[in-house]
Amino acid sequence: HVQLVESGGGSVQAGGSLRLSCAVSGYTIIGWPYCMGWYRQAPGKEREGVAALASPSDGRIAYADSVKGRFVISKDNQKNILYLLMDNLEPEDTAMYYCAADIEAWWLLALRPQTDFGWWGQGTQVTVS
């Protein structure tokens, strides 16, 4: 049973930075699951993809246009922790941020919020004022 636990959210002023973490547990193979991503959902809005990272052997990375140049997704494959470094934060970045993972990469790299696929965390709140 795969579990994802996000952390690192908080309240920051516009222009500030945060680093989100997503710890993966419940598996035995280092580097698995193969693809992971970050999504966010603001009040009254649909969940949207932010960034995704395929397996090291694949190497593909995807970013939403709204975060390109400001956010960086990375993963420590030994510790199995996914990160999202967020710089130059804007009030529009305010949302609950979720971590997702799956063996199948297609929906994650397409940044599609397929909540009925893969595994999802409970979220961490980011507020930018």
N, C-alpha and C. Protein backbone atom coordinates (compact mmCIF):
# COMPACT_ATOMS: atom_id res chain seq x y z
N HIS A 1 0.86 -1.19 0.00
CA HIS A 1 0.00 0.00 0.00
C HIS A 1 0.89 1.23 0.00
N VAL A 2 0.84 2.00 -1.09
CA VAL A 2 1.67 3.18 -1.23
C VAL A 2 1.04 4.36 -0.49
N GLN A 3 1.86 5.08 0.27
CA GLN A 3 1.39 6.28 0.96
C GLN A 3 2.27 7.46 0.57
N LEU A 4 1.63 8.61 0.36
CA LEU A 4 2.32 9.85 0.04
C LEU A 4 1.98 10.88 1.10
N VAL A 5 2.99 11.52 1.66
CA VAL A 5 2.76 12.52 2.70
C VAL A 5 3.49 13.81 2.32
N GLU A 6 2.71 14.86 2.09
CA GLU A 6 3.28 16.15 1.74
C GLU A 6 3.61 16.97 2.98
N SER A 7 4.59 17.85 2.83
CA SER A 7 4.94 18.80 3.90
C SER A 7 5.62 20.01 3.27
N GLY A 8 5.81 21.05 4.07
CA GLY A 8 6.54 22.22 3.60
C GLY A 8 5.69 23.41 3.23
N GLY A 9 4.38 23.25 3.25
CA GLY A 9 3.52 24.37 2.94
C GLY A 9 3.57 25.43 4.02
N GLY A 10 2.98 26.58 3.74
CA GLY A 10 2.95 27.66 4.71
C GLY A 10 2.47 28.94 4.09
N SER A 11 2.63 30.02 4.83
CA SER A 11 2.22 31.35 4.37
C SER A 11 3.46 32.19 4.10
N VAL A 12 3.51 32.78 2.91
CA VAL A 12 4.65 33.62 2.54
C VAL A 12 4.14 34.86 1.82
N GLN A 13 4.99 35.86 1.76
CA GLN A 13 4.66 37.06 1.00
C GLN A 13 5.03 36.85 -0.46
N ALA A 14 4.36 37.60 -1.31
CA ALA A 14 4.65 37.54 -2.74
C ALA A 14 6.14 37.80 -2.97
N GLY A 15 6.71 37.00 -3.87
CA GLY A 15 8.14 37.08 -4.12
C GLY A 15 8.96 36.12 -3.30
N GLY A 16 8.34 35.50 -2.32
CA GLY A 16 9.04 34.58 -1.44
C GLY A 16 9.16 33.19 -2.04
N SER A 17 9.74 32.28 -1.25
CA SER A 17 10.00 30.92 -1.71
C SER A 17 9.53 29.89 -0.68
N LEU A 18 9.19 28.71 -1.18
CA LEU A 18 8.89 27.57 -0.33
C LEU A 18 9.39 26.32 -1.04
N ARG A 19 9.71 25.30 -0.24
CA ARG A 19 10.03 24.00 -0.81
C ARG A 19 9.10 22.95 -0.23
N LEU A 20 8.33 22.34 -1.11
CA LEU A 20 7.43 21.28 -0.69
C LEU A 20 8.14 19.94 -0.80
N SER A 21 7.76 19.03 0.09
CA SER A 21 8.31 17.68 0.06
C SER A 21 7.17 16.68 0.04
N CYS A 22 7.42 15.53 -0.58
CA CYS A 22 6.45 14.45 -0.61
C CYS A 22 7.21 13.15 -0.34
N ALA A 23 6.98 12.59 0.81
CA ALA A 23 7.64 11.35 1.20
C ALA A 23 6.80 10.15 0.78
N VAL A 24 7.43 9.20 0.12
CA VAL A 24 6.74 8.02 -0.39
C VAL A 24 7.10 6.81 0.48
N SER A 25 6.11 6.06 0.88
CA SER A 25 6.36 4.85 1.66
C SER A 25 5.42 3.74 1.21
N GLY A 26 5.71 2.53 1.68
CA GLY A 26 4.83 1.41 1.38
C GLY A 26 5.25 0.59 0.19
N TYR A 27 6.52 0.66 -0.20
CA TYR A 27 7.03 -0.13 -1.31
C TYR A 27 8.43 -0.58 -0.94
N THR A 28 9.04 -1.44 -1.74
CA THR A 28 10.35 -1.94 -1.39
C THR A 28 11.40 -1.71 -2.46
N ILE A 29 11.01 -1.22 -3.62
CA ILE A 29 11.95 -1.04 -4.72
C ILE A 29 12.40 0.41 -4.77
N ILE A 30 13.69 0.66 -4.62
CA ILE A 30 14.20 2.02 -4.66
C ILE A 30 13.89 2.65 -6.01
N GLY A 31 13.35 3.87 -5.96
CA GLY A 31 13.04 4.59 -7.19
C GLY A 31 11.63 4.38 -7.69
N TRP A 32 10.93 3.43 -7.12
CA TRP A 32 9.55 3.19 -7.52
C TRP A 32 8.63 4.03 -6.69
N PRO A 33 7.50 4.59 -7.07
CA PRO A 33 6.87 4.48 -8.39
C PRO A 33 7.60 5.29 -9.47
N TYR A 34 7.29 5.01 -10.71
CA TYR A 34 8.10 5.49 -11.79
C TYR A 34 7.90 6.96 -12.13
N CYS A 35 6.73 7.48 -11.88
CA CYS A 35 6.46 8.87 -12.23
C CYS A 35 5.73 9.54 -11.08
N MET A 36 6.10 10.78 -10.81
CA MET A 36 5.45 11.52 -9.73
C MET A 36 5.19 12.94 -10.17
N GLY A 37 4.25 13.58 -9.49
CA GLY A 37 3.93 14.94 -9.89
C GLY A 37 3.30 15.73 -8.76
N TRP A 38 3.20 17.04 -8.99
CA TRP A 38 2.56 17.96 -8.07
C TRP A 38 1.34 18.58 -8.75
N TYR A 39 0.27 18.67 -8.00
CA TYR A 39 -0.96 19.30 -8.44
C TYR A 39 -1.38 20.33 -7.39
N ARG A 40 -2.28 21.22 -7.77
CA ARG A 40 -2.79 22.19 -6.81
C ARG A 40 -4.25 22.47 -7.10
N GLN A 41 -4.93 22.86 -6.04
CA GLN A 41 -6.35 23.20 -6.17
C GLN A 41 -6.65 24.39 -5.28
N ALA A 42 -7.08 25.47 -5.93
CA ALA A 42 -7.47 26.66 -5.21
C ALA A 42 -8.97 26.60 -4.90
N PRO A 43 -9.44 27.30 -3.88
CA PRO A 43 -10.87 27.28 -3.56
C PRO A 43 -11.72 27.69 -4.75
N GLY A 44 -12.72 26.87 -5.06
CA GLY A 44 -13.62 27.18 -6.14
C GLY A 44 -13.09 26.87 -7.52
N LYS A 45 -11.89 26.29 -7.58
CA LYS A 45 -11.30 25.98 -8.88
C LYS A 45 -11.02 24.48 -9.00
N GLU A 46 -10.83 24.03 -10.22
CA GLU A 46 -10.52 22.63 -10.44
C GLU A 46 -9.04 22.35 -10.12
N ARG A 47 -8.77 21.11 -9.80
CA ARG A 47 -7.39 20.73 -9.56
C ARG A 47 -6.61 20.82 -10.88
N GLU A 48 -5.38 21.34 -10.79
CA GLU A 48 -4.58 21.48 -11.99
C GLU A 48 -3.18 20.94 -11.76
N GLY A 49 -2.57 20.44 -12.84
CA GLY A 49 -1.22 19.94 -12.75
C GLY A 49 -0.22 21.08 -12.69
N VAL A 50 0.81 20.89 -11.88
CA VAL A 50 1.85 21.91 -11.72
C VAL A 50 3.16 21.44 -12.35
N ALA A 51 3.60 20.24 -12.00
CA ALA A 51 4.86 19.72 -12.51
C ALA A 51 4.87 18.21 -12.33
N ALA A 52 5.62 17.53 -13.20
CA ALA A 52 5.74 16.09 -13.12
C ALA A 52 7.14 15.65 -13.51
N LEU A 53 7.55 14.52 -12.94
CA LEU A 53 8.89 14.01 -13.16
C LEU A 53 8.81 12.51 -13.37
N ALA A 54 9.33 12.05 -14.53
CA ALA A 54 9.33 10.62 -14.82
C ALA A 54 10.50 9.94 -14.12
N SER A 55 10.65 8.67 -14.34
CA SER A 55 11.71 7.90 -13.71
C SER A 55 13.08 8.38 -14.19
N PRO A 56 14.15 8.10 -13.44
CA PRO A 56 15.49 8.53 -13.86
C PRO A 56 15.87 7.99 -15.24
N SER A 57 15.46 6.80 -15.57
CA SER A 57 15.79 6.23 -16.88
C SER A 57 15.01 6.91 -17.99
N ASP A 58 13.91 7.52 -17.67
CA ASP A 58 13.08 8.22 -18.66
C ASP A 58 13.53 9.66 -18.79
N GLY A 59 13.59 10.38 -17.68
CA GLY A 59 14.13 11.73 -17.67
C GLY A 59 13.19 12.85 -18.05
N ARG A 60 11.97 12.53 -18.45
CA ARG A 60 11.06 13.60 -18.87
C ARG A 60 10.56 14.40 -17.67
N ILE A 61 10.41 15.71 -17.90
CA ILE A 61 9.87 16.62 -16.91
C ILE A 61 8.83 17.50 -17.59
N ALA A 62 7.77 17.80 -16.87
CA ALA A 62 6.72 18.67 -17.41
C ALA A 62 6.40 19.74 -16.39
N TYR A 63 6.16 20.95 -16.89
CA TYR A 63 5.74 22.07 -16.04
C TYR A 63 4.53 22.75 -16.66
N ALA A 64 3.65 23.22 -15.83
CA ALA A 64 2.57 24.07 -16.30
C ALA A 64 3.16 25.41 -16.72
N ASP A 65 2.59 26.03 -17.73
CA ASP A 65 3.11 27.30 -18.23
C ASP A 65 3.16 28.36 -17.13
N SER A 66 2.21 28.30 -16.23
CA SER A 66 2.11 29.32 -15.19
C SER A 66 3.25 29.27 -14.18
N VAL A 67 3.99 28.16 -14.14
CA VAL A 67 5.06 28.04 -13.14
C VAL A 67 6.44 27.89 -13.77
N LYS A 68 6.52 27.81 -15.08
CA LYS A 68 7.81 27.66 -15.75
C LYS A 68 8.73 28.82 -15.39
N GLY A 69 9.96 28.47 -15.05
CA GLY A 69 10.93 29.49 -14.68
C GLY A 69 10.88 29.88 -13.21
N ARG A 70 9.86 29.43 -12.50
CA ARG A 70 9.73 29.76 -11.07
C ARG A 70 9.78 28.52 -10.18
N PHE A 71 9.25 27.41 -10.65
CA PHE A 71 9.19 26.17 -9.87
C PHE A 71 10.15 25.15 -10.46
N VAL A 72 10.72 24.33 -9.58
CA VAL A 72 11.59 23.24 -10.00
C VAL A 72 11.20 21.97 -9.27
N ILE A 73 10.93 20.91 -10.03
CA ILE A 73 10.60 19.61 -9.45
C ILE A 73 11.85 18.74 -9.44
N SER A 74 12.04 18.00 -8.36
CA SER A 74 13.19 17.11 -8.27
C SER A 74 12.84 15.95 -7.35
N LYS A 75 13.70 14.93 -7.34
CA LYS A 75 13.42 13.75 -6.52
C LYS A 75 14.71 13.16 -6.01
N ASP A 76 14.73 12.83 -4.75
CA ASP A 76 15.82 12.08 -4.14
C ASP A 76 15.42 10.61 -4.23
N ASN A 77 16.02 9.88 -5.18
CA ASN A 77 15.60 8.50 -5.41
C ASN A 77 16.05 7.55 -4.31
N GLN A 78 17.08 7.91 -3.57
CA GLN A 78 17.50 7.06 -2.47
C GLN A 78 16.54 7.17 -1.30
N LYS A 79 16.14 8.40 -1.00
CA LYS A 79 15.22 8.63 0.11
C LYS A 79 13.76 8.53 -0.32
N ASN A 80 13.54 8.50 -1.63
CA ASN A 80 12.18 8.49 -2.20
C ASN A 80 11.35 9.67 -1.69
N ILE A 81 11.90 10.85 -1.86
CA ILE A 81 11.20 12.09 -1.54
C ILE A 81 11.15 12.95 -2.78
N LEU A 82 9.97 13.41 -3.12
CA LEU A 82 9.76 14.33 -4.24
C LEU A 82 9.73 15.74 -3.69
N TYR A 83 10.37 16.66 -4.41
CA TYR A 83 10.41 18.06 -3.97
C TYR A 83 9.78 18.98 -5.02
N LEU A 84 9.33 20.11 -4.56
CA LEU A 84 8.92 21.19 -5.45
C LEU A 84 9.45 22.48 -4.86
N LEU A 85 10.48 23.03 -5.48
CA LEU A 85 11.03 24.31 -5.06
C LEU A 85 10.27 25.41 -5.78
N MET A 86 9.68 26.28 -5.01
CA MET A 86 8.85 27.34 -5.58
C MET A 86 9.45 28.70 -5.25
N ASP A 87 9.88 29.41 -6.28
CA ASP A 87 10.46 30.74 -6.11
C ASP A 87 9.54 31.80 -6.70
N ASN A 88 9.77 33.03 -6.29
CA ASN A 88 9.01 34.16 -6.82
C ASN A 88 7.50 33.88 -6.77
N LEU A 89 7.05 33.45 -5.63
CA LEU A 89 5.65 33.08 -5.48
C LEU A 89 4.73 34.27 -5.67
N GLU A 90 3.56 33.98 -6.24
CA GLU A 90 2.55 34.99 -6.53
C GLU A 90 1.27 34.63 -5.78
N PRO A 91 0.42 35.62 -5.51
CA PRO A 91 -0.86 35.30 -4.83
C PRO A 91 -1.66 34.24 -5.59
N GLU A 92 -1.51 34.20 -6.91
CA GLU A 92 -2.23 33.22 -7.72
C GLU A 92 -1.74 31.79 -7.47
N ASP A 93 -0.62 31.63 -6.78
CA ASP A 93 -0.12 30.30 -6.45
C ASP A 93 -0.77 29.74 -5.19
N THR A 94 -1.58 30.54 -4.53
CA THR A 94 -2.26 30.08 -3.32
C THR A 94 -3.19 28.92 -3.64
N ALA A 95 -2.98 27.80 -2.95
CA ALA A 95 -3.77 26.59 -3.21
C ALA A 95 -3.34 25.49 -2.26
N MET A 96 -4.12 24.42 -2.25
CA MET A 96 -3.69 23.19 -1.61
C MET A 96 -2.87 22.43 -2.65
N TYR A 97 -1.66 22.02 -2.27
CA TYR A 97 -0.78 21.32 -3.18
C TYR A 97 -0.76 19.83 -2.84
N TYR A 98 -0.94 19.01 -3.88
CA TYR A 98 -1.01 17.57 -3.72
C TYR A 98 0.11 16.89 -4.49
N CYS A 99 0.59 15.82 -3.92
CA CYS A 99 1.57 14.97 -4.56
C CYS A 99 0.84 13.75 -5.12
N ALA A 100 1.26 13.30 -6.30
CA ALA A 100 0.66 12.12 -6.92
C ALA A 100 1.75 11.24 -7.49
N ALA A 101 1.45 9.94 -7.60
CA ALA A 101 2.43 9.00 -8.11
C ALA A 101 1.73 7.86 -8.84
N ASP A 102 2.44 7.28 -9.81
CA ASP A 102 1.87 6.15 -10.53
C ASP A 102 2.98 5.42 -11.29
N ILE A 103 2.73 4.18 -11.59
CA ILE A 103 3.62 3.45 -12.46
C ILE A 103 3.48 3.97 -13.89
N GLU A 104 2.27 4.28 -14.28
CA GLU A 104 2.01 4.84 -15.60
C GLU A 104 2.33 6.32 -15.59
N ALA A 105 3.12 6.78 -16.57
CA ALA A 105 3.57 8.17 -16.59
C ALA A 105 2.69 9.10 -17.41
N TRP A 106 1.86 8.57 -18.30
CA TRP A 106 1.22 9.42 -19.31
C TRP A 106 0.36 10.51 -18.73
N TRP A 107 -0.44 10.19 -17.71
CA TRP A 107 -1.37 11.21 -17.23
C TRP A 107 -0.64 12.23 -16.35
N LEU A 108 0.41 11.78 -15.68
CA LEU A 108 1.18 12.71 -14.86
C LEU A 108 1.96 13.67 -15.74
N LEU A 109 2.65 13.17 -16.76
CA LEU A 109 3.43 14.05 -17.62
C LEU A 109 2.55 14.96 -18.46
N ALA A 110 1.30 14.57 -18.67
CA ALA A 110 0.34 15.44 -19.36
C ALA A 110 -0.29 16.43 -18.37
N LEU A 111 0.06 16.32 -17.09
CA LEU A 111 -0.46 17.18 -16.01
C LEU A 111 -1.96 17.09 -15.90
N ARG A 112 -2.49 15.92 -16.21
CA ARG A 112 -3.94 15.73 -16.09
C ARG A 112 -4.29 15.29 -14.68
N PRO A 113 -5.26 15.92 -14.06
CA PRO A 113 -5.62 15.58 -12.68
C PRO A 113 -6.50 14.34 -12.59
N GLN A 114 -5.92 13.18 -12.87
CA GLN A 114 -6.66 11.92 -12.88
C GLN A 114 -6.71 11.38 -11.43
N THR A 115 -7.60 11.90 -10.66
CA THR A 115 -7.65 11.55 -9.23
C THR A 115 -8.07 10.11 -9.00
N ASP A 116 -8.59 9.45 -10.04
CA ASP A 116 -8.96 8.05 -9.90
C ASP A 116 -7.82 7.12 -10.32
N PHE A 117 -6.68 7.70 -10.67
CA PHE A 117 -5.50 6.91 -11.03
C PHE A 117 -4.44 7.07 -9.95
N GLY A 118 -3.57 6.08 -9.85
CA GLY A 118 -2.39 6.18 -9.01
C GLY A 118 -2.69 6.41 -7.54
N TRP A 119 -1.72 7.07 -6.89
CA TRP A 119 -1.82 7.36 -5.46
C TRP A 119 -1.68 8.86 -5.23
N TRP A 120 -2.37 9.35 -4.25
CA TRP A 120 -2.40 10.78 -3.94
C TRP A 120 -2.17 11.01 -2.45
N GLY A 121 -1.52 12.13 -2.14
CA GLY A 121 -1.38 12.54 -0.77
C GLY A 121 -2.57 13.37 -0.32
N GLN A 122 -2.51 13.81 0.94
CA GLN A 122 -3.62 14.58 1.51
C GLN A 122 -3.47 16.08 1.27
N GLY A 123 -2.31 16.52 0.86
CA GLY A 123 -2.13 17.92 0.51
C GLY A 123 -1.45 18.75 1.58
N THR A 124 -0.84 19.86 1.15
CA THR A 124 -0.25 20.83 2.04
C THR A 124 -0.62 22.22 1.52
N GLN A 125 -1.03 23.10 2.42
CA GLN A 125 -1.56 24.40 2.02
C GLN A 125 -0.44 25.41 1.80
N VAL A 126 -0.54 26.12 0.69
CA VAL A 126 0.38 27.22 0.39
C VAL A 126 -0.45 28.49 0.24
N THR A 127 -0.10 29.51 1.00
CA THR A 127 -0.81 30.78 0.95
C THR A 127 0.19 31.88 0.67
N VAL A 128 -0.07 32.64 -0.39
CA VAL A 128 0.82 33.74 -0.78
C VAL A 128 0.03 35.04 -0.71
N SER A 129 0.54 36.00 0.05
CA SER A 129 -0.19 37.26 0.19
C SER A 129 0.66 38.45 -0.25
